[in-house]
Protein backbone atom coordinates (compact mmCIF):
# COMPACT_ATOMS: atom_id res chain seq x y z
CA MET A 1 14.17 -7.26 -2.71
CA ARG A 2 13.09 -3.53 -2.19
CA PHE A 3 11.49 -1.84 -5.23
CA ALA A 4 10.12 1.22 -5.55
CA HIS A 5 9.44 3.88 -8.10
CA MET A 6 11.78 7.13 -7.78
CA VAL A 7 11.64 10.60 -9.88
CA LEU A 8 15.82 11.19 -10.82
CA PRO A 9 17.10 14.96 -10.97
CA GLU A 10 17.13 13.72 -14.53
CA SER A 11 14.01 12.30 -15.51
CA PRO A 12 10.23 13.58 -14.63
CA GLU A 13 8.97 10.26 -15.52
CA ALA A 14 9.18 7.91 -12.18
CA VAL A 15 11.28 5.00 -13.40
CA LEU A 16 11.67 1.49 -11.19
CA ALA A 17 14.41 1.36 -9.12
CA VAL A 18 16.40 -1.84 -6.80
CA ILE A 19 16.55 0.15 -2.83
CA ASP A 20 19.43 -0.63 -1.12
CA GLY A 21 19.87 1.19 2.10
CA ALA A 22 19.68 4.69 1.26
CA GLU A 23 20.31 4.13 -2.13
CA ALA A 24 18.61 3.35 -5.28
CA VAL A 25 19.52 1.71 -8.10
CA PRO A 26 17.42 2.07 -11.66
CA VAL A 27 16.65 -1.23 -12.88
CA ARG A 28 16.82 0.12 -16.56
CA SER A 29 20.38 1.19 -16.06
CA ILE A 30 21.79 -2.39 -15.26
CA LEU A 31 19.55 -4.97 -17.20
CA ASP A 32 18.63 -4.87 -20.88
CA ALA A 33 15.45 -5.02 -22.02
CA ALA A 34 14.52 -3.94 -18.38
CA PRO A 35 10.97 -3.87 -16.97
CA ALA A 36 9.61 0.22 -16.96
CA ASP A 37 7.59 -0.31 -13.93
CA LEU A 38 6.23 -2.58 -10.85
CA GLN A 39 3.64 -4.01 -13.12
CA ALA A 40 5.55 -4.80 -16.28
CA LEU A 41 8.70 -6.89 -13.29
CA ILE A 42 5.36 -8.85 -11.38
CA GLU A 43 4.02 -9.73 -15.26
CA GLY A 44 7.41 -10.67 -16.01
CA GLY A 45 7.19 -13.86 -13.07
CA SER A 46 9.66 -15.22 -11.60
CA GLU A 47 12.00 -15.02 -14.52
CA MET A 48 12.51 -11.55 -14.81
CA LEU A 49 12.63 -11.57 -11.12
CA ASP A 50 15.25 -13.39 -11.18
CA ARG A 51 17.72 -11.67 -13.95
CA VAL A 52 17.19 -8.15 -11.60
CA ARG A 53 18.21 -9.97 -8.40
CA GLU A 54 21.07 -10.51 -10.50
CA ALA A 55 22.49 -7.62 -12.28
CA ALA A 56 21.81 -5.68 -8.92
CA SER A 57 24.64 -7.72 -7.88
CA SER A 58 26.67 -6.89 -10.45
CA PRO A 59 29.49 -4.12 -10.68
CA ALA A 60 27.32 -2.18 -13.63
CA ALA A 61 24.62 -1.89 -10.58
CA ALA A 62 27.74 -0.15 -7.48
CA ARG A 63 28.18 2.32 -10.42
CA ALA A 64 24.57 2.98 -10.98
CA ARG A 65 24.17 3.32 -7.48
CA ILE A 66 22.17 7.14 -6.67
CA PRO A 67 21.58 8.36 -2.83
CA LEU A 68 17.67 8.45 -2.32
CA ALA A 69 17.96 12.29 -1.23
CA GLU A 70 18.70 13.16 -4.84
CA ALA A 71 15.16 11.44 -5.46
CA ALA A 72 11.80 11.44 -5.05
CA TYR A 73 9.41 8.73 -4.19
CA ALA A 74 6.11 7.60 -6.85
CA SER A 75 3.41 5.57 -5.75
CA ALA A 76 5.23 2.32 -4.81
CA VAL A 77 2.28 0.36 -6.84
CA SER A 78 1.57 1.29 -10.56
CA ARG A 79 -0.90 0.22 -13.04
CA PRO A 80 -2.63 -2.60 -11.01
CA PRO A 81 -5.12 -4.24 -12.70
CA LEU A 82 -7.35 -4.24 -9.74
CA ILE A 83 -7.15 -1.97 -6.09
CA LEU A 84 -9.06 -4.26 -3.46
CA ALA A 85 -9.76 -2.93 -0.42
CA ILE A 86 -10.73 -4.93 2.98
CA GLY A 87 -13.10 -3.67 5.78
CA LEU A 88 -13.99 -4.00 9.08
CA ASN A 89 -10.94 -6.99 9.58
CA TYR A 90 -9.82 -6.15 12.60
CA SER A 91 -12.62 -6.28 15.27
CA ALA A 92 -11.50 -3.17 17.30
CA HIS A 93 -11.94 -1.09 14.07
CA SER A 94 -15.02 -2.08 13.20
CA SER A 95 -15.94 -1.88 16.72
CA GLU A 96 -14.98 1.85 17.25
CA LEU A 97 -16.17 2.73 13.84
CA GLY A 98 -20.36 0.91 15.22
CA LEU A 99 -20.36 -1.40 12.04
CA LYS A 100 -20.61 -5.51 12.26
CA THR A 101 -17.82 -7.57 10.83
CA ASP A 102 -19.94 -9.89 8.57
CA ALA A 103 -19.76 -13.35 7.89
CA ALA A 104 -17.84 -13.13 4.49
CA PRO A 105 -15.33 -9.92 4.38
CA THR A 106 -16.38 -6.43 3.06
CA VAL A 107 -14.64 -5.71 0.07
CA PHE A 108 -14.63 -2.33 -1.73
CA THR A 109 -12.44 -0.82 -5.05
CA LEU A 110 -10.37 1.73 -4.81
CA TRP A 111 -9.71 3.77 -7.94
CA PRO A 112 -6.13 4.51 -9.48
CA ASN A 113 -6.01 7.84 -9.44
CA SER A 114 -6.17 7.94 -5.77
CA LEU A 115 -2.34 6.34 -5.37
CA ALA A 116 0.35 8.57 -4.68
CA GLY A 117 3.79 7.93 -3.60
CA HIS A 118 5.99 8.17 -0.13
CA GLU A 119 6.55 12.01 1.31
CA GLY A 120 3.66 13.45 -1.31
CA THR A 121 1.09 16.28 -0.60
CA THR A 122 -2.51 14.88 -0.84
CA THR A 123 -5.20 17.67 -1.07
CA TRP A 124 -8.94 18.00 -1.01
CA PRO A 125 -11.34 20.68 -0.83
CA ARG A 126 -12.93 21.41 2.60
CA SER A 127 -16.52 21.85 1.10
CA LEU A 128 -16.08 18.52 0.71
CA SER A 129 -14.89 17.20 4.07
CA GLU A 130 -12.98 18.01 7.07
CA ALA A 131 -13.69 14.59 8.58
CA VAL A 132 -10.68 12.95 6.51
CA ASP A 133 -9.40 10.31 8.57
CA TYR A 134 -6.14 7.88 8.31
CA GLU A 135 -6.04 3.99 7.98
CA SER A 136 -2.62 2.39 8.13
CA GLU A 137 -2.96 -1.13 5.97
CA LEU A 138 -0.37 -3.63 5.00
CA GLY A 139 -1.12 -4.41 1.17
CA VAL A 140 -0.07 -7.25 -0.57
CA LEU A 141 0.54 -7.53 -3.82
CA ILE A 142 -0.73 -10.54 -6.34
CA GLY A 143 2.13 -12.35 -8.52
CA PRO A 144 1.45 -15.82 -10.31
CA ALA A 145 -2.77 -15.14 -11.30
CA ALA A 146 -5.02 -17.01 -8.19
CA ARG A 147 -7.89 -18.29 -9.49
CA ASP A 148 -9.65 -20.38 -6.52
CA VAL A 149 -6.82 -21.37 -4.71
CA ASP A 150 -7.39 -22.78 -0.81
CA GLU A 151 -5.77 -21.45 2.07
CA GLU A 152 -3.04 -24.03 2.40
CA HIS A 153 -1.73 -22.42 -0.89
CA ALA A 154 -2.74 -18.71 -1.14
CA LEU A 155 0.58 -17.41 -0.16
CA ASP A 156 2.00 -18.87 -3.44
CA HIS A 157 0.44 -16.31 -5.54
CA VAL A 158 1.90 -13.14 -2.98
CA TRP A 159 4.81 -11.45 -4.96
CA GLY A 160 5.05 -9.12 -2.24
CA TYR A 161 4.01 -6.53 0.29
CA THR A 162 3.72 -2.75 0.88
CA VAL A 163 2.29 -0.48 2.99
CA VAL A 164 -1.23 1.37 2.48
CA ASN A 165 -2.44 4.29 3.77
CA ASP A 166 -6.90 4.10 3.10
CA ILE A 167 -7.36 7.83 4.05
CA THR A 168 -10.80 8.28 3.98
CA ALA A 169 -13.58 10.75 4.08
CA ARG A 170 -15.94 9.90 7.05
CA ASN A 171 -18.50 11.84 6.41
CA ILE A 172 -19.12 10.47 2.25
CA GLN A 173 -18.67 7.17 4.14
CA PHE A 174 -21.85 7.78 5.88
CA ALA A 175 -23.76 9.50 3.42
CA GLU A 176 -23.77 6.89 1.11
CA ALA A 177 -24.31 2.76 0.38
CA GLN A 178 -20.84 2.42 -0.94
CA TRP A 179 -17.38 2.82 0.05
CA SER A 180 -15.55 3.68 -2.88
CA ARG A 181 -15.98 7.48 -3.75
CA CYS A 182 -15.04 8.30 0.16
CA LYS A 183 -11.38 6.73 0.02
CA SER A 184 -10.79 7.69 -3.66
CA PHE A 185 -10.30 11.04 -3.85
CA ASP A 186 -7.06 11.99 -5.66
CA GLY A 187 -3.94 10.66 -3.47
CA PHE A 188 -6.45 9.31 -1.22
CA THR A 189 -4.05 6.03 -1.66
CA PRO A 190 -0.41 6.36 -0.53
CA THR A 191 1.70 2.99 -1.34
CA GLY A 192 5.32 2.69 -0.72
CA PRO A 193 7.86 3.53 0.04
CA VAL A 194 8.83 0.33 -1.24
CA VAL A 195 7.16 -3.37 -2.37
CA VAL A 196 8.98 -5.80 -0.45
CA THR A 197 9.48 -9.32 -2.58
CA ALA A 198 7.51 -12.18 -0.54
CA ASP A 199 10.69 -13.98 0.47
CA GLU A 200 11.27 -10.98 3.28
CA VAL A 201 8.31 -11.04 4.75
CA PRO A 202 7.95 -15.55 6.26
CA ASP A 203 4.62 -14.55 8.19
CA PRO A 204 2.26 -11.78 7.36
CA GLN A 205 0.07 -12.27 10.63
CA ASP A 206 2.59 -11.13 12.92
CA LEU A 207 3.79 -8.04 11.90
CA HIS A 208 3.49 -4.71 13.79
CA ILE A 209 1.64 -2.30 12.14
CA TRP A 210 0.82 1.39 13.92
CA ALA A 211 0.19 5.18 12.31
CA VAL A 212 1.15 8.36 13.63
CA VAL A 213 -0.58 12.04 13.03
CA ASP A 214 1.42 14.77 14.07
CA GLY A 215 3.75 13.41 16.01
CA HIS A 216 1.60 11.46 18.23
CA THR A 217 1.02 7.30 18.00
CA VAL A 218 -2.81 6.52 16.77
CA GLN A 219 -2.64 3.28 15.90
CA ASP A 220 -0.93 0.54 17.57
CA ALA A 221 -1.51 -3.11 16.67
CA SER A 222 -0.39 -6.21 15.16
CA THR A 223 -1.23 -8.01 11.54
CA SER A 224 -2.11 -11.25 14.05
CA GLN A 225 -5.16 -9.05 15.13
CA MET A 226 -6.81 -9.75 11.43
CA VAL A 227 -10.68 -11.36 11.14
CA ARG A 228 -9.11 -12.85 8.37
CA SER A 229 -5.79 -13.82 7.44
CA VAL A 230 -4.05 -12.86 3.95
CA ALA A 231 -3.96 -16.25 3.21
CA THR A 232 -7.81 -16.13 4.03
CA LEU A 233 -8.82 -13.22 1.68
CA ILE A 234 -6.98 -14.52 -1.07
CA SER A 235 -8.67 -17.78 -0.94
CA HIS A 236 -12.05 -15.92 -0.35
CA LEU A 237 -11.34 -13.24 -3.19
CA SER A 238 -9.90 -15.82 -5.97
CA GLY A 239 -13.17 -17.88 -5.62
CA SER A 240 -14.94 -15.63 -7.31
CA THR A 241 -12.67 -13.36 -9.37
CA THR A 242 -9.05 -14.13 -11.45
CA LEU A 243 -6.38 -12.45 -9.41
CA LEU A 244 -4.26 -10.65 -11.96
CA PRO A 245 -0.47 -10.10 -11.38
CA GLY A 246 -0.12 -6.61 -9.50
CA THR A 247 -3.56 -6.86 -8.12
CA LEU A 248 -3.64 -5.06 -5.07
CA ILE A 249 -5.30 -6.02 -2.23
CA SER A 250 -5.04 -3.56 0.95
CA THR A 251 -6.11 -5.89 3.91
CA GLY A 252 -7.67 -3.68 6.49
CA SER A 253 -7.32 -1.31 9.57
CA PRO A 254 -6.70 -1.79 12.72
CA GLY A 255 -8.00 -0.02 15.89
CA GLY A 256 -7.22 3.63 16.92
CA ALA A 257 -9.26 5.52 13.67
CA GLY A 258 -9.67 9.07 14.17
CA TYR A 259 -13.43 9.30 13.64
CA SER A 260 -13.88 6.81 16.80
CA ARG A 261 -12.04 8.74 19.21
CA ASP A 262 -12.78 11.55 21.84
CA PRO A 263 -12.30 14.28 20.55
CA GLN A 264 -12.00 13.15 17.27
CA ILE A 265 -9.13 13.89 15.22
CA PHE A 266 -8.91 14.38 11.69
CA LEU A 267 -5.89 15.24 9.29
CA ARG A 268 -6.07 19.15 9.05
CA ASP A 269 -4.39 21.68 7.05
CA ARG A 270 -0.86 20.78 7.16
CA SER A 271 -1.09 17.48 9.18
CA THR A 272 1.70 15.01 8.04
CA VAL A 273 0.69 11.26 8.99
CA THR A 274 2.80 8.16 8.78
CA VAL A 275 1.29 5.18 9.12
CA GLY A 276 3.81 2.06 8.72
CA VAL A 277 4.62 -2.20 9.35
CA ASP A 278 7.76 -3.08 10.22
CA GLY A 279 9.58 -4.92 8.02
CA VAL A 280 7.78 -3.04 4.98
CA GLY A 281 8.34 0.31 6.08
CA GLU A 282 7.10 3.61 6.48
CA LEU A 283 4.62 6.12 4.59
CA THR A 284 4.93 9.96 5.19
CA THR A 285 1.86 11.87 3.69
CA HIS A 286 1.44 15.87 4.21
CA CYS A 287 -2.18 17.18 3.91
CA ARG A 288 -3.20 20.40 2.33
CA ILE A 289 -6.62 21.57 2.73
CA LEU A 290 -8.29 23.86 0.01
CA ASP A 291 -10.58 26.59 0.90
């Protein structure tokens, strides 16, 4: 199944919806005591997901359908207990940045204010950065809590997948010892458009991942090129930290970042960037720089 948070014409608050083709079905319209958002759905476990799945095929669902053209997307991820990001997880990306892939994963956190939705506009002051970069990433959402799990069973703890654009102010990244602030400006972590349940992604290491900036393809790779697989990352992270339901893990970006190009390509005022993972989604962000 595919889920999104949609802003409907009659409601300023984003609501959880099942996405079916070019239509959305608000979960609250088809299910009593419905989960208000994706986090509540994940916390409800397999029983809640089964209830929603059954309701989505009911006659009531047919009557509740809304064309996607009449709604807007909010962040596909809401209220995550933790957002973890992995750096340098593709050799080509670490090499182009002139950084070494360490013996253990490079892990940092992203702040919740940075979450944004598909087709949203992300703004930042020119005084803070004129070196803002894109990074297409596969996002992983934890379902059943994971603590000290081995790689063999790690994917059993995945609830679903989404697309993440890990937008980065490179000048700040290379000026500070931590990476959280440079990647956590307001709107710097778009997610979506949807979250796809894990059963629709048989192998997260066999997905085409890409990015297009202002009509030009700038990243074109496969998740098979990850230094550490999704299962390896979950096993490693859960060894020291309980990964609670709804935790978002952004698994790293392939080569092709704007910083490393000659000439460099940074996101400009009125740039449009689309990042995608085949089978998961295409996520578009519009950019405005404030003088």
